[in-house]
Amino acid sequence: MKSLLIASLMVLSVPSFAKLAVYGNADAARAVLAPEVLSKVMDKAQTETFLKVEVANTKLNEFSVTVETAKLDWRCESVVKVKAVGEVVTLPGGGKIATNKLVVGKIAEAKCVE
């Protein structure tokens, strides 16, 4: 009985690691503004200057990020899809939990106007 009580207390004292993150618009913007992603967006649009970023939350943990860039008199908008994807992580000691992480997806063709 005493060992059952001790085991119950140990289980109750361990925090749950199986919580999935809920990401916000700022997280999606940070993911797209990472230097390696922003350079891909600008290369695809063939632009040189970053102007602004706008984020629309399309679903829970799915975002559509619009990046506005420019070159000379041209302004271009590129849409980047960002979403949280699930993964299973192995903990030290062999346990496994489900988590999620934010991943930058497809970079759409830029729409440019003069």
PDB file of N, CA and C in Angstrom:
ATOM      1  N   MET A   1       0.826  -1.184   0.000  1.00  0.00           N
ATOM      2  CA  MET A   1       0.000   0.000   0.000  1.00  0.00           C
ATOM      3  C   MET A   1       0.871   1.249   0.000  1.00  0.00           C
ATOM      4  N   LYS A   2       1.944   1.178   0.802  1.00  0.00           N
ATOM      5  CA  LYS A   2       2.833   2.328   0.893  1.00  0.00           C
ATOM      6  C   LYS A   2       3.507   2.591  -0.455  1.00  0.00           C
ATOM      7  N   SER A   3       3.924   1.538  -1.169  1.00  0.00           N
ATOM      8  CA  SER A   3       4.572   1.722  -2.465  1.00  0.00           C
ATOM      9  C   SER A   3       3.584   2.264  -3.507  1.00  0.00           C
ATOM     10  N   LEU A   4       2.315   1.880  -3.415  1.00  0.00           N
ATOM     11  CA  LEU A   4       1.297   2.399  -4.324  1.00  0.00           C
ATOM     12  C   LEU A   4       1.093   3.893  -4.098  1.00  0.00           C
ATOM     13  N   LEU A   5       1.094   4.322  -2.870  1.00  0.00           N
ATOM     14  CA  LEU A   5       0.946   5.736  -2.535  1.00  0.00           C
ATOM     15  C   LEU A   5       2.140   6.531  -3.050  1.00  0.00           C
ATOM     16  N   ILE A   6       3.337   6.019  -2.878  1.00  0.00           N
ATOM     17  CA  ILE A   6       4.546   6.697  -3.359  1.00  0.00           C
ATOM     18  C   ILE A   6       4.531   6.787  -4.884  1.00  0.00           C
ATOM     19  N   ALA A   7       4.148   5.714  -5.550  1.00  0.00           N
ATOM     20  CA  ALA A   7       4.082   5.722  -7.017  1.00  0.00           C
ATOM     21  C   ALA A   7       3.048   6.727  -7.509  1.00  0.00           C
ATOM     22  N   SER A   8       1.914   6.811  -6.830  1.00  0.00           N
ATOM     23  CA  SER A   8       0.878   7.774  -7.218  1.00  0.00           C
ATOM     24  C   SER A   8       1.372   9.201  -7.060  1.00  0.00           C
ATOM     25  N   LEU A   9       2.066   9.477  -5.985  1.00  0.00           N
ATOM     26  CA  LEU A   9       2.605  10.819  -5.768  1.00  0.00           C
ATOM     27  C   LEU A   9       3.652  11.178  -6.816  1.00  0.00           C
ATOM     28  N   MET A  10       4.468  10.208  -7.208  1.00  0.00           N
ATOM     29  CA  MET A  10       5.491  10.466  -8.223  1.00  0.00           C
ATOM     30  C   MET A  10       4.843  10.787  -9.568  1.00  0.00           C
ATOM     31  N   VAL A  11       3.807  10.055  -9.938  1.00  0.00           N
ATOM     32  CA  VAL A  11       3.120  10.295 -11.209  1.00  0.00           C
ATOM     33  C   VAL A  11       2.472  11.673 -11.209  1.00  0.00           C
ATOM     34  N   LEU A  12       1.854  12.044 -10.108  1.00  0.00           N
ATOM     35  CA  LEU A  12       1.198  13.342 -10.024  1.00  0.00           C
ATOM     36  C   LEU A  12       2.185  14.502 -10.023  1.00  0.00           C
ATOM     37  N   SER A  13       3.404  14.275  -9.568  1.00  0.00           N
ATOM     38  CA  SER A  13       4.377  15.362  -9.483  1.00  0.00           C
ATOM     39  C   SER A  13       5.130  15.598 -10.789  1.00  0.00           C
ATOM     40  N   VAL A  14       5.025  14.689 -11.754  1.00  0.00           N
ATOM     41  CA  VAL A  14       5.730  14.849 -13.034  1.00  0.00           C
ATOM     42  C   VAL A  14       4.869  15.690 -13.972  1.00  0.00           C
ATOM     43  N   PRO A  15       5.411  16.797 -14.495  1.00  0.00           N
ATOM     44  CA  PRO A  15       4.623  17.624 -15.407  1.00  0.00           C
ATOM     45  C   PRO A  15       4.394  16.906 -16.736  1.00  0.00           C
ATOM     46  N   SER A  16       3.314  17.248 -17.374  1.00  0.00           N
ATOM     47  CA  SER A  16       2.995  16.635 -18.668  1.00  0.00           C
ATOM     48  C   SER A  16       3.821  17.283 -19.765  1.00  0.00           C
ATOM     49  N   PHE A  17       4.501  16.469 -20.564  1.00  0.00           N
ATOM     50  CA  PHE A  17       5.300  16.969 -21.676  1.00  0.00           C
ATOM     51  C   PHE A  17       4.544  16.829 -22.999  1.00  0.00           C
ATOM     52  N   ALA A  18       3.348  16.285 -22.968  1.00  0.00           N
ATOM     53  CA  ALA A  18       2.634  15.978 -24.203  1.00  0.00           C
ATOM     54  C   ALA A  18       1.724  17.115 -24.666  1.00  0.00           C
ATOM     55  N   LYS A  19       2.076  18.339 -24.341  1.00  0.00           N
ATOM     56  CA  LYS A  19       1.274  19.475 -24.761  1.00  0.00           C
ATOM     57  C   LYS A  19       1.735  19.942 -26.136  1.00  0.00           C
ATOM     58  N   LEU A  20       0.793  20.131 -27.043  1.00  0.00           N
ATOM     59  CA  LEU A  20       1.120  20.634 -28.364  1.00  0.00           C
ATOM     60  C   LEU A  20       1.080  22.158 -28.326  1.00  0.00           C
ATOM     61  N   ALA A  21       2.034  22.779 -29.001  1.00  0.00           N
ATOM     62  CA  ALA A  21       2.112  24.232 -29.018  1.00  0.00           C
ATOM     63  C   ALA A  21       1.035  24.808 -29.926  1.00  0.00           C
ATOM     64  N   VAL A  22       0.506  25.946 -29.525  1.00  0.00           N
ATOM     65  CA  VAL A  22      -0.393  26.716 -30.377  1.00  0.00           C
ATOM     66  C   VAL A  22       0.396  27.937 -30.810  1.00  0.00           C
ATOM     67  N   TYR A  23       0.561  28.091 -32.118  1.00  0.00           N
ATOM     68  CA  TYR A  23       1.376  29.171 -32.649  1.00  0.00           C
ATOM     69  C   TYR A  23       0.508  30.358 -33.033  1.00  0.00           C
ATOM     70  N   GLY A  24       1.102  31.553 -32.958  1.00  0.00           N
ATOM     71  CA  GLY A  24       0.400  32.776 -33.310  1.00  0.00           C
ATOM     72  C   GLY A  24       0.992  33.426 -34.546  1.00  0.00           C
ATOM     73  N   ASN A  25       0.396  34.555 -34.933  1.00  0.00           N
ATOM     74  CA  ASN A  25       0.846  35.280 -36.115  1.00  0.00           C
ATOM     75  C   ASN A  25       2.305  35.715 -36.003  1.00  0.00           C
ATOM     76  N   ALA A  26       2.731  36.121 -34.816  1.00  0.00           N
ATOM     77  CA  ALA A  26       4.122  36.557 -34.633  1.00  0.00           C
ATOM     78  C   ALA A  26       5.094  35.401 -34.878  1.00  0.00           C
ATOM     79  N   ASP A  27       4.718  34.198 -34.470  1.00  0.00           N
ATOM     80  CA  ASP A  27       5.571  33.025 -34.711  1.00  0.00           C
ATOM     81  C   ASP A  27       5.715  32.755 -36.206  1.00  0.00           C
ATOM     82  N   ALA A  28       4.610  32.871 -36.946  1.00  0.00           N
ATOM     83  CA  ALA A  28       4.648  32.650 -38.394  1.00  0.00           C
ATOM     84  C   ALA A  28       5.496  33.719 -39.078  1.00  0.00           C
ATOM     85  N   ALA A  29       5.363  34.963 -38.637  1.00  0.00           N
ATOM     86  CA  ALA A  29       6.171  36.048 -39.219  1.00  0.00           C
ATOM     87  C   ALA A  29       7.652  35.816 -38.953  1.00  0.00           C
ATOM     88  N   ARG A  30       7.987  35.407 -37.725  1.00  0.00           N
ATOM     89  CA  ARG A  30       9.395  35.128 -37.399  1.00  0.00           C
ATOM     90  C   ARG A  30       9.957  34.004 -38.263  1.00  0.00           C
ATOM     91  N   ALA A  31       9.144  32.998 -38.528  1.00  0.00           N
ATOM     92  CA  ALA A  31       9.603  31.876 -39.358  1.00  0.00           C
ATOM     93  C   ALA A  31       9.930  32.338 -40.772  1.00  0.00           C
ATOM     94  N   VAL A  32       9.110  33.213 -41.332  1.00  0.00           N
ATOM     95  CA  VAL A  32       9.333  33.697 -42.697  1.00  0.00           C
ATOM     96  C   VAL A  32      10.456  34.724 -42.744  1.00  0.00           C
ATOM     97  N   LEU A  33      10.620  35.500 -41.680  1.00  0.00           N
ATOM     98  CA  LEU A  33      11.668  36.522 -41.656  1.00  0.00           C
ATOM     99  C   LEU A  33      13.046  35.965 -41.317  1.00  0.00           C
ATOM    100  N   ALA A  34      13.136  34.678 -41.086  1.00  0.00           N
ATOM    101  CA  ALA A  34      14.457  34.060 -40.890  1.00  0.00           C
ATOM    102  C   ALA A  34      15.271  34.304 -42.157  1.00  0.00           C
ATOM    103  N   PRO A  35      16.556  34.633 -42.013  1.00  0.00           N
ATOM    104  CA  PRO A  35      17.367  35.012 -43.180  1.00  0.00           C
ATOM    105  C   PRO A  35      17.325  34.018 -44.334  1.00  0.00           C
ATOM    106  N   GLU A  36      17.361  32.715 -44.044  1.00  0.00           N
ATOM    107  CA  GLU A  36      17.383  31.735 -45.136  1.00  0.00           C
ATOM    108  C   GLU A  36      16.057  31.687 -45.891  1.00  0.00           C
ATOM    109  N   VAL A  37      14.937  31.913 -45.209  1.00  0.00           N
ATOM    110  CA  VAL A  37      13.628  31.899 -45.871  1.00  0.00           C
ATOM    111  C   VAL A  37      13.405  33.200 -46.635  1.00  0.00           C
ATOM    112  N   LEU A  38      13.702  34.330 -45.992  1.00  0.00           N
ATOM    113  CA  LEU A  38      13.503  35.625 -46.642  1.00  0.00           C
ATOM    114  C   LEU A  38      14.354  35.751 -47.904  1.00  0.00           C
ATOM    115  N   SER A  39      15.567  35.221 -47.876  1.00  0.00           N
ATOM    116  CA  SER A  39      16.414  35.288 -49.074  1.00  0.00           C
ATOM    117  C   SER A  39      15.826  34.444 -50.206  1.00  0.00           C
ATOM    118  N   LYS A  40      15.209  33.299 -49.878  1.00  0.00           N
ATOM    119  CA  LYS A  40      14.553  32.486 -50.915  1.00  0.00           C
ATOM    120  C   LYS A  40      13.370  33.230 -51.528  1.00  0.00           C
ATOM    121  N   VAL A  41      12.597  33.913 -50.674  1.00  0.00           N
ATOM    122  CA  VAL A  41      11.450  34.688 -51.157  1.00  0.00           C
ATOM    123  C   VAL A  41      11.921  35.791 -52.099  1.00  0.00           C
ATOM    124  N   MET A  42      12.964  36.512 -51.695  1.00  0.00           N
ATOM    125  CA  MET A  42      13.459  37.623 -52.504  1.00  0.00           C
ATOM    126  C   MET A  42      14.121  37.130 -53.788  1.00  0.00           C
ATOM    127  N   ASP A  43      14.802  36.005 -53.734  1.00  0.00           N
ATOM    128  CA  ASP A  43      15.405  35.432 -54.944  1.00  0.00           C
ATOM    129  C   ASP A  43      14.325  35.009 -55.941  1.00  0.00           C
ATOM    130  N   LYS A  44      13.275  34.392 -55.430  1.00  0.00           N
ATOM    131  CA  LYS A  44      12.201  33.931 -56.310  1.00  0.00           C
ATOM    132  C   LYS A  44      11.484  35.109 -56.970  1.00  0.00           C
ATOM    133  N   ALA A  45      11.351  36.220 -56.231  1.00  0.00           N
ATOM    134  CA  ALA A  45      10.690  37.412 -56.767  1.00  0.00           C
ATOM    135  C   ALA A  45      11.658  38.297 -57.546  1.00  0.00           C
ATOM    136  N   GLN A  46      12.938  37.998 -57.474  1.00  0.00           N
ATOM    137  CA  GLN A  46      14.001  38.787 -58.103  1.00  0.00           C
ATOM    138  C   GLN A  46      13.964  40.238 -57.622  1.00  0.00           C
ATOM    139  N   THR A  47      13.844  40.396 -56.313  1.00  0.00           N
ATOM    140  CA  THR A  47      13.817  41.724 -55.698  1.00  0.00           C
ATOM    141  C   THR A  47      14.990  41.881 -54.751  1.00  0.00           C
ATOM    142  N   GLU A  48      15.191  43.133 -54.311  1.00  0.00           N
ATOM    143  CA  GLU A  48      16.353  43.437 -53.476  1.00  0.00           C
ATOM    144  C   GLU A  48      16.012  44.057 -52.126  1.00  0.00           C
ATOM    145  N   THR A  49      14.801  44.605 -51.991  1.00  0.00           N
ATOM    146  CA  THR A  49      14.450  45.354 -50.790  1.00  0.00           C
ATOM    147  C   THR A  49      13.219  44.753 -50.119  1.00  0.00           C
ATOM    148  N   PHE A  50      13.327  44.498 -48.821  1.00  0.00           N
ATOM    149  CA  PHE A  50      12.183  44.024 -48.036  1.00  0.00           C
ATOM    150  C   PHE A  50      11.376  45.237 -47.595  1.00  0.00           C
ATOM    151  N   LEU A  51      10.042  45.175 -47.757  1.00  0.00           N
ATOM    152  CA  LEU A  51       9.184  46.281 -47.342  1.00  0.00           C
ATOM    153  C   LEU A  51       8.346  45.943 -46.116  1.00  0.00           C
ATOM    154  N   LYS A  52       7.559  44.872 -46.186  1.00  0.00           N
ATOM    155  CA  LYS A  52       6.713  44.524 -45.029  1.00  0.00           C
ATOM    156  C   LYS A  52       6.244  43.079 -45.118  1.00  0.00           C
ATOM    157  N   VAL A  53       5.655  42.644 -44.008  1.00  0.00           N
ATOM    158  CA  VAL A  53       5.093  41.293 -43.935  1.00  0.00           C
ATOM    159  C   VAL A  53       3.714  41.389 -43.285  1.00  0.00           C
ATOM    160  N   GLU A  54       2.762  40.627 -43.814  1.00  0.00           N
ATOM    161  CA  GLU A  54       1.416  40.542 -43.248  1.00  0.00           C
ATOM    162  C   GLU A  54       1.077  39.070 -43.063  1.00  0.00           C
ATOM    163  N   VAL A  55       0.429  38.766 -41.942  1.00  0.00           N
ATOM    164  CA  VAL A  55       0.110  37.370 -41.632  1.00  0.00           C
ATOM    165  C   VAL A  55      -1.399  37.203 -41.507  1.00  0.00           C
ATOM    166  N   ALA A  56      -1.926  36.191 -42.163  1.00  0.00           N
ATOM    167  CA  ALA A  56      -3.332  35.819 -42.016  1.00  0.00           C
ATOM    168  C   ALA A  56      -3.379  34.402 -41.460  1.00  0.00           C
ATOM    169  N   ASN A  57      -4.153  34.224 -40.397  1.00  0.00           N
ATOM    170  CA  ASN A  57      -4.315  32.910 -39.791  1.00  0.00           C
ATOM    171  C   ASN A  57      -5.448  32.210 -40.518  1.00  0.00           C
ATOM    172  N   THR A  58      -5.137  31.185 -41.309  1.00  0.00           N
ATOM    173  CA  THR A  58      -6.160  30.515 -42.101  1.00  0.00           C
ATOM    174  C   THR A  58      -6.901  29.439 -41.311  1.00  0.00           C
ATOM    175  N   LYS A  59      -6.210  28.716 -40.468  1.00  0.00           N
ATOM    176  CA  LYS A  59      -6.785  27.690 -39.591  1.00  0.00           C
ATOM    177  C   LYS A  59      -5.920  27.651 -38.340  1.00  0.00           C
ATOM    178  N   LEU A  60      -6.295  26.821 -37.388  1.00  0.00           N
ATOM    179  CA  LEU A  60      -5.471  26.660 -36.199  1.00  0.00           C
ATOM    180  C   LEU A  60      -4.101  26.150 -36.619  1.00  0.00           C
ATOM    181  N   ASN A  61      -3.070  26.898 -36.285  1.00  0.00           N
ATOM    182  CA  ASN A  61      -1.680  26.548 -36.589  1.00  0.00           C
ATOM    183  C   ASN A  61      -1.378  26.472 -38.089  1.00  0.00           C
ATOM    184  N   GLU A  62      -2.151  27.175 -38.916  1.00  0.00           N
ATOM    185  CA  GLU A  62      -1.853  27.315 -40.345  1.00  0.00           C
ATOM    186  C   GLU A  62      -1.937  28.791 -40.702  1.00  0.00           C
ATOM    187  N   PHE A  63      -0.932  29.268 -41.433  1.00  0.00           N
ATOM    188  CA  PHE A  63      -0.835  30.692 -41.728  1.00  0.00           C
ATOM    189  C   PHE A  63      -0.511  30.927 -43.192  1.00  0.00           C
ATOM    190  N   SER A  64      -0.957  32.072 -43.685  1.00  0.00           N
ATOM    191  CA  SER A  64      -0.607  32.545 -45.014  1.00  0.00           C
ATOM    192  C   SER A  64       0.117  33.873 -44.801  1.00  0.00           C
ATOM    193  N   VAL A  65       1.405  33.904 -45.101  1.00  0.00           N
ATOM    194  CA  VAL A  65       2.227  35.084 -44.840  1.00  0.00           C
ATOM    195  C   VAL A  65       2.526  35.775 -46.170  1.00  0.00           C
ATOM    196  N   THR A  66       2.142  37.044 -46.279  1.00  0.00           N
ATOM    197  CA  THR A  66       2.401  37.824 -47.485  1.00  0.00           C
ATOM    198  C   THR A  66       3.620  38.702 -47.237  1.00  0.00           C
ATOM    199  N   VAL A  67       4.625  38.543 -48.088  1.00  0.00           N
ATOM    200  CA  VAL A  67       5.863  39.316 -47.973  1.00  0.00           C
ATOM    201  C   VAL A  67       5.899  40.299 -49.134  1.00  0.00           C
ATOM    202  N   GLU A  68       6.038  41.586 -48.804  1.00  0.00           N
ATOM    203  CA  GLU A  68       6.129  42.607 -49.849  1.00  0.00           C
ATOM    204  C   GLU A  68       7.588  43.029 -49.996  1.00  0.00           C
ATOM    205  N   THR A  69       8.072  42.955 -51.222  1.00  0.00           N
ATOM    206  CA  THR A  69       9.453  43.324 -51.531  1.00  0.00           C
ATOM    207  C   THR A  69       9.445  44.265 -52.732  1.00  0.00           C
ATOM    208  N   ALA A  70      10.612  44.845 -53.035  1.00  0.00           N
ATOM    209  CA  ALA A  70      10.675  45.796 -54.145  1.00  0.00           C
ATOM    210  C   ALA A  70      12.020  45.743 -54.842  1.00  0.00           C
ATOM    211  N   LYS A  71      11.990  46.185 -56.106  1.00  0.00           N
ATOM    212  CA  LYS A  71      13.203  46.383 -56.890  1.00  0.00           C
ATOM    213  C   LYS A  71      12.918  47.550 -57.825  1.00  0.00           C
ATOM    214  N   LEU A  72      13.675  48.612 -57.667  1.00  0.00           N
ATOM    215  CA  LEU A  72      13.467  49.844 -58.426  1.00  0.00           C
ATOM    216  C   LEU A  72      12.020  50.303 -58.253  1.00  0.00           C
ATOM    217  N   ASP A  73      11.255  50.425 -59.330  1.00  0.00           N
ATOM    218  CA  ASP A  73       9.866  50.893 -59.241  1.00  0.00           C
ATOM    219  C   ASP A  73       8.857  49.757 -59.104  1.00  0.00           C
ATOM    220  N   TRP A  74       9.321  48.536 -59.032  1.00  0.00           N
ATOM    221  CA  TRP A  74       8.442  47.374 -58.940  1.00  0.00           C
ATOM    222  C   TRP A  74       8.213  46.983 -57.482  1.00  0.00           C
ATOM    223  N   ARG A  75       6.943  46.681 -57.158  1.00  0.00           N
ATOM    224  CA  ARG A  75       6.594  46.134 -55.848  1.00  0.00           C
ATOM    225  C   ARG A  75       6.037  44.736 -56.068  1.00  0.00           C
ATOM    226  N   CYS A  76       6.512  43.811 -55.281  1.00  0.00           N
ATOM    227  CA  CYS A  76       6.095  42.413 -55.448  1.00  0.00           C
ATOM    228  C   CYS A  76       5.544  41.863 -54.139  1.00  0.00           C
ATOM    229  N   GLU A  77       4.540  41.000 -54.266  1.00  0.00           N
ATOM    230  CA  GLU A  77       3.986  40.289 -53.116  1.00  0.00           C
ATOM    231  C   GLU A  77       4.152  38.792 -53.333  1.00  0.00           C
ATOM    232  N   SER A  78       4.697  38.138 -52.338  1.00  0.00           N
ATOM    233  CA  SER A  78       4.864  36.685 -52.363  1.00  0.00           C
ATOM    234  C   SER A  78       4.118  36.102 -51.171  1.00  0.00           C
ATOM    235  N   VAL A  79       3.399  35.026 -51.393  1.00  0.00           N
ATOM    236  CA  VAL A  79       2.667  34.366 -50.314  1.00  0.00           C
ATOM    237  C   VAL A  79       3.422  33.106 -49.913  1.00  0.00           C
ATOM    238  N   VAL A  80       3.653  32.983 -48.609  1.00  0.00           N
ATOM    239  CA  VAL A  80       4.371  31.837 -48.059  1.00  0.00           C
ATOM    240  C   VAL A  80       3.430  31.108 -47.100  1.00  0.00           C
ATOM    241  N   LYS A  81       3.295  29.813 -47.277  1.00  0.00           N
ATOM    242  CA  LYS A  81       2.462  28.998 -46.388  1.00  0.00           C
ATOM    243  C   LYS A  81       3.310  28.507 -45.218  1.00  0.00           C
ATOM    244  N   VAL A  82       2.761  28.652 -44.016  1.00  0.00           N
ATOM    245  CA  VAL A  82       3.439  28.212 -42.797  1.00  0.00           C
ATOM    246  C   VAL A  82       2.430  27.407 -41.984  1.00  0.00           C
ATOM    247  N   LYS A  83       2.857  26.249 -41.469  1.00  0.00           N
ATOM    248  CA  LYS A  83       1.944  25.460 -40.641  1.00  0.00           C
ATOM    249  C   LYS A  83       2.718  24.645 -39.617  1.00  0.00           C
ATOM    250  N   ALA A  84       1.997  24.222 -38.603  1.00  0.00           N
ATOM    251  CA  ALA A  84       2.572  23.351 -37.586  1.00  0.00           C
ATOM    252  C   ALA A  84       2.370  21.909 -38.027  1.00  0.00           C
ATOM    253  N   VAL A  85       3.420  21.135 -37.949  1.00  0.00           N
ATOM    254  CA  VAL A  85       3.332  19.713 -38.294  1.00  0.00           C
ATOM    255  C   VAL A  85       3.685  18.887 -37.063  1.00  0.00           C
ATOM    256  N   GLY A  86       3.027  17.767 -36.943  1.00  0.00           N
ATOM    257  CA  GLY A  86       3.259  16.899 -35.798  1.00  0.00           C
ATOM    258  C   GLY A  86       4.457  16.000 -35.995  1.00  0.00           C
ATOM    259  N   GLU A  87       5.055  15.640 -34.889  1.00  0.00           N
ATOM    260  CA  GLU A  87       6.165  14.699 -34.906  1.00  0.00           C
ATOM    261  C   GLU A  87       6.192  13.966 -33.576  1.00  0.00           C
ATOM    262  N   VAL A  88       6.806  12.810 -33.561  1.00  0.00           N
ATOM    263  CA  VAL A  88       6.954  12.031 -32.335  1.00  0.00           C
ATOM    264  C   VAL A  88       8.403  12.139 -31.894  1.00  0.00           C
ATOM    265  N   VAL A  89       8.594  12.539 -30.651  1.00  0.00           N
ATOM    266  CA  VAL A  89       9.933  12.745 -30.105  1.00  0.00           C
ATOM    267  C   VAL A  89      10.199  11.688 -29.045  1.00  0.00           C
ATOM    268  N   THR A  90      11.393  11.112 -29.090  1.00  0.00           N
ATOM    269  CA  THR A  90      11.795  10.138 -28.080  1.00  0.00           C
ATOM    270  C   THR A  90      12.495  10.871 -26.946  1.00  0.00           C
ATOM    271  N   LEU A  91      12.008  10.657 -25.745  1.00  0.00           N
ATOM    272  CA  LEU A  91      12.576  11.289 -24.559  1.00  0.00           C
ATOM    273  C   LEU A  91      13.730  10.452 -24.025  1.00  0.00           C
ATOM    274  N   PRO A  92      14.616  11.082 -23.252  1.00  0.00           N
ATOM    275  CA  PRO A  92      15.651  10.300 -22.579  1.00  0.00           C
ATOM    276  C   PRO A  92      14.972   9.248 -21.687  1.00  0.00           C
ATOM    277  N   GLY A  93      15.390   8.042 -21.788  1.00  0.00           N
ATOM    278  CA  GLY A  93      14.768   6.967 -21.028  1.00  0.00           C
ATOM    279  C   GLY A  93      13.820   6.132 -21.874  1.00  0.00           C
ATOM    280  N   GLY A  94      13.587   6.559 -23.128  1.00  0.00           N
ATOM    281  CA  GLY A  94      12.808   5.737 -24.039  1.00  0.00           C
ATOM    282  C   GLY A  94      11.360   6.119 -24.246  1.00  0.00           C
ATOM    283  N   GLY A  95      10.820   7.034 -23.446  1.00  0.00           N
ATOM    284  CA  GLY A  95       9.431   7.428 -23.645  1.00  0.00           C
ATOM    285  C   GLY A  95       9.258   8.233 -24.922  1.00  0.00           C
ATOM    286  N   LYS A  96       8.063   8.243 -25.469  1.00  0.00           N
ATOM    287  CA  LYS A  96       7.780   9.001 -26.689  1.00  0.00           C
ATOM    288  C   LYS A  96       6.592   9.918 -26.451  1.00  0.00           C
ATOM    289  N   ILE A  97       6.653  11.113 -27.048  1.00  0.00           N
ATOM    290  CA  ILE A  97       5.543  12.054 -26.952  1.00  0.00           C
ATOM    291  C   ILE A  97       5.272  12.652 -28.325  1.00  0.00           C
ATOM    292  N   ALA A  98       4.053  13.126 -28.500  1.00  0.00           N
ATOM    293  CA  ALA A  98       3.686  13.823 -29.733  1.00  0.00           C
ATOM    294  C   ALA A  98       3.875  15.318 -29.511  1.00  0.00           C
ATOM    295  N   THR A  99       4.562  15.962 -30.428  1.00  0.00           N
ATOM    296  CA  THR A  99       4.760  17.409 -30.368  1.00  0.00           C
ATOM    297  C   THR A  99       4.482  17.979 -31.753  1.00  0.00           C
ATOM    298  N   ASN A 100       4.620  19.279 -31.879  1.00  0.00           N
ATOM    299  CA  ASN A 100       4.518  19.890 -33.195  1.00  0.00           C
ATOM    300  C   ASN A 100       5.548  21.005 -33.325  1.00  0.00           C
ATOM    301  N   LYS A 101       5.877  21.342 -34.578  1.00  0.00           N
ATOM    302  CA  LYS A 101       6.824  22.424 -34.836  1.00  0.00           C
ATOM    303  C   LYS A 101       6.332  23.211 -36.040  1.00  0.00           C
ATOM    304  N   LEU A 102       6.725  24.462 -36.106  1.00  0.00           N
ATOM    305  CA  LEU A 102       6.318  25.340 -37.193  1.00  0.00           C
ATOM    306  C   LEU A 102       7.240  25.140 -38.381  1.00  0.00           C
ATOM    307  N   VAL A 103       6.649  24.911 -39.564  1.00  0.00           N
ATOM    308  CA  VAL A 103       7.421  24.624 -40.772  1.00  0.00           C
ATOM    309  C   VAL A 103       6.988  25.570 -41.888  1.00  0.00           C
ATOM    310  N   VAL A 104       7.983  26.129 -42.572  1.00  0.00           N
ATOM    311  CA  VAL A 104       7.704  26.976 -43.730  1.00  0.00           C
ATOM    312  C   VAL A 104       7.485  26.070 -44.927  1.00  0.00           C
ATOM    313  N   GLY A 105       6.366  26.279 -45.603  1.00  0.00           N
ATOM    314  CA  GLY A 105       6.019  25.443 -46.747  1.00  0.00           C
ATOM    315  C   GLY A 105       6.298  26.131 -48.067  1.00  0.00           C
ATOM    316  N   LYS A 106       5.332  26.042 -48.949  1.00  0.00           N
ATOM    317  CA  LYS A 106       5.475  26.522 -50.323  1.00  0.00           C
ATOM    318  C   LYS A 106       5.570  28.049 -50.391  1.00  0.00           C
ATOM    319  N   ILE A 107       6.486  28.522 -51.231  1.00  0.00           N
ATOM    320  CA  ILE A 107       6.599  29.946 -51.539  1.00  0.00           C
ATOM    321  C   ILE A 107       5.980  30.129 -52.924  1.00  0.00           C
ATOM    322  N   ALA A 108       4.872  30.858 -52.991  1.00  0.00           N
ATOM    323  CA  ALA A 108       4.169  31.041 -54.261  1.00  0.00           C
ATOM    324  C   ALA A 108       4.921  32.029 -55.154  1.00  0.00           C
ATOM    325  N   GLU A 109       4.615  31.979 -56.445  1.00  0.00           N
ATOM    326  CA  GLU A 109       5.198  32.931 -57.390  1.00  0.00           C
ATOM    327  C   GLU A 109       4.807  34.347 -56.987  1.00  0.00           C
ATOM    328  N   ALA A 110       5.741  35.270 -57.120  1.00  0.00           N
ATOM    329  CA  ALA A 110       5.491  36.658 -56.750  1.00  0.00           C
ATOM    330  C   ALA A 110       4.602  37.340 -57.783  1.00  0.00           C
ATOM    331  N   LYS A 111       3.729  38.201 -57.287  1.00  0.00           N
ATOM    332  CA  LYS A 111       2.911  39.044 -58.160  1.00  0.00           C
ATOM    333  C   LYS A 111       3.489  40.448 -58.074  1.00  0.00           C
ATOM    334  N   CYS A 112       3.956  40.969 -59.203  1.00  0.00           N
ATOM    335  CA  CYS A 112       4.639  42.261 -59.219  1.00  0.00           C
ATOM    336  C   CYS A 112       3.860  43.282 -60.034  1.00  0.00           C
ATOM    337  N   VAL A 113       3.871  44.527 -59.557  1.00  0.00           N
ATOM    338  CA  VAL A 113       3.260  45.648 -60.274  1.00  0.00           C
ATOM    339  C   VAL A 113       4.229  46.821 -60.262  1.00  0.00           C
ATOM    340  N   GLU A 114       4.080  47.673 -61.258  1.00  0.00           N
ATOM    341  CA  GLU A 114       4.962  48.837 -61.354  1.00  0.00           C
ATOM    342  C   GLU A 114       4.352  50.009 -60.641  1.00  0.00           C
TER     343      GLU A 114
END
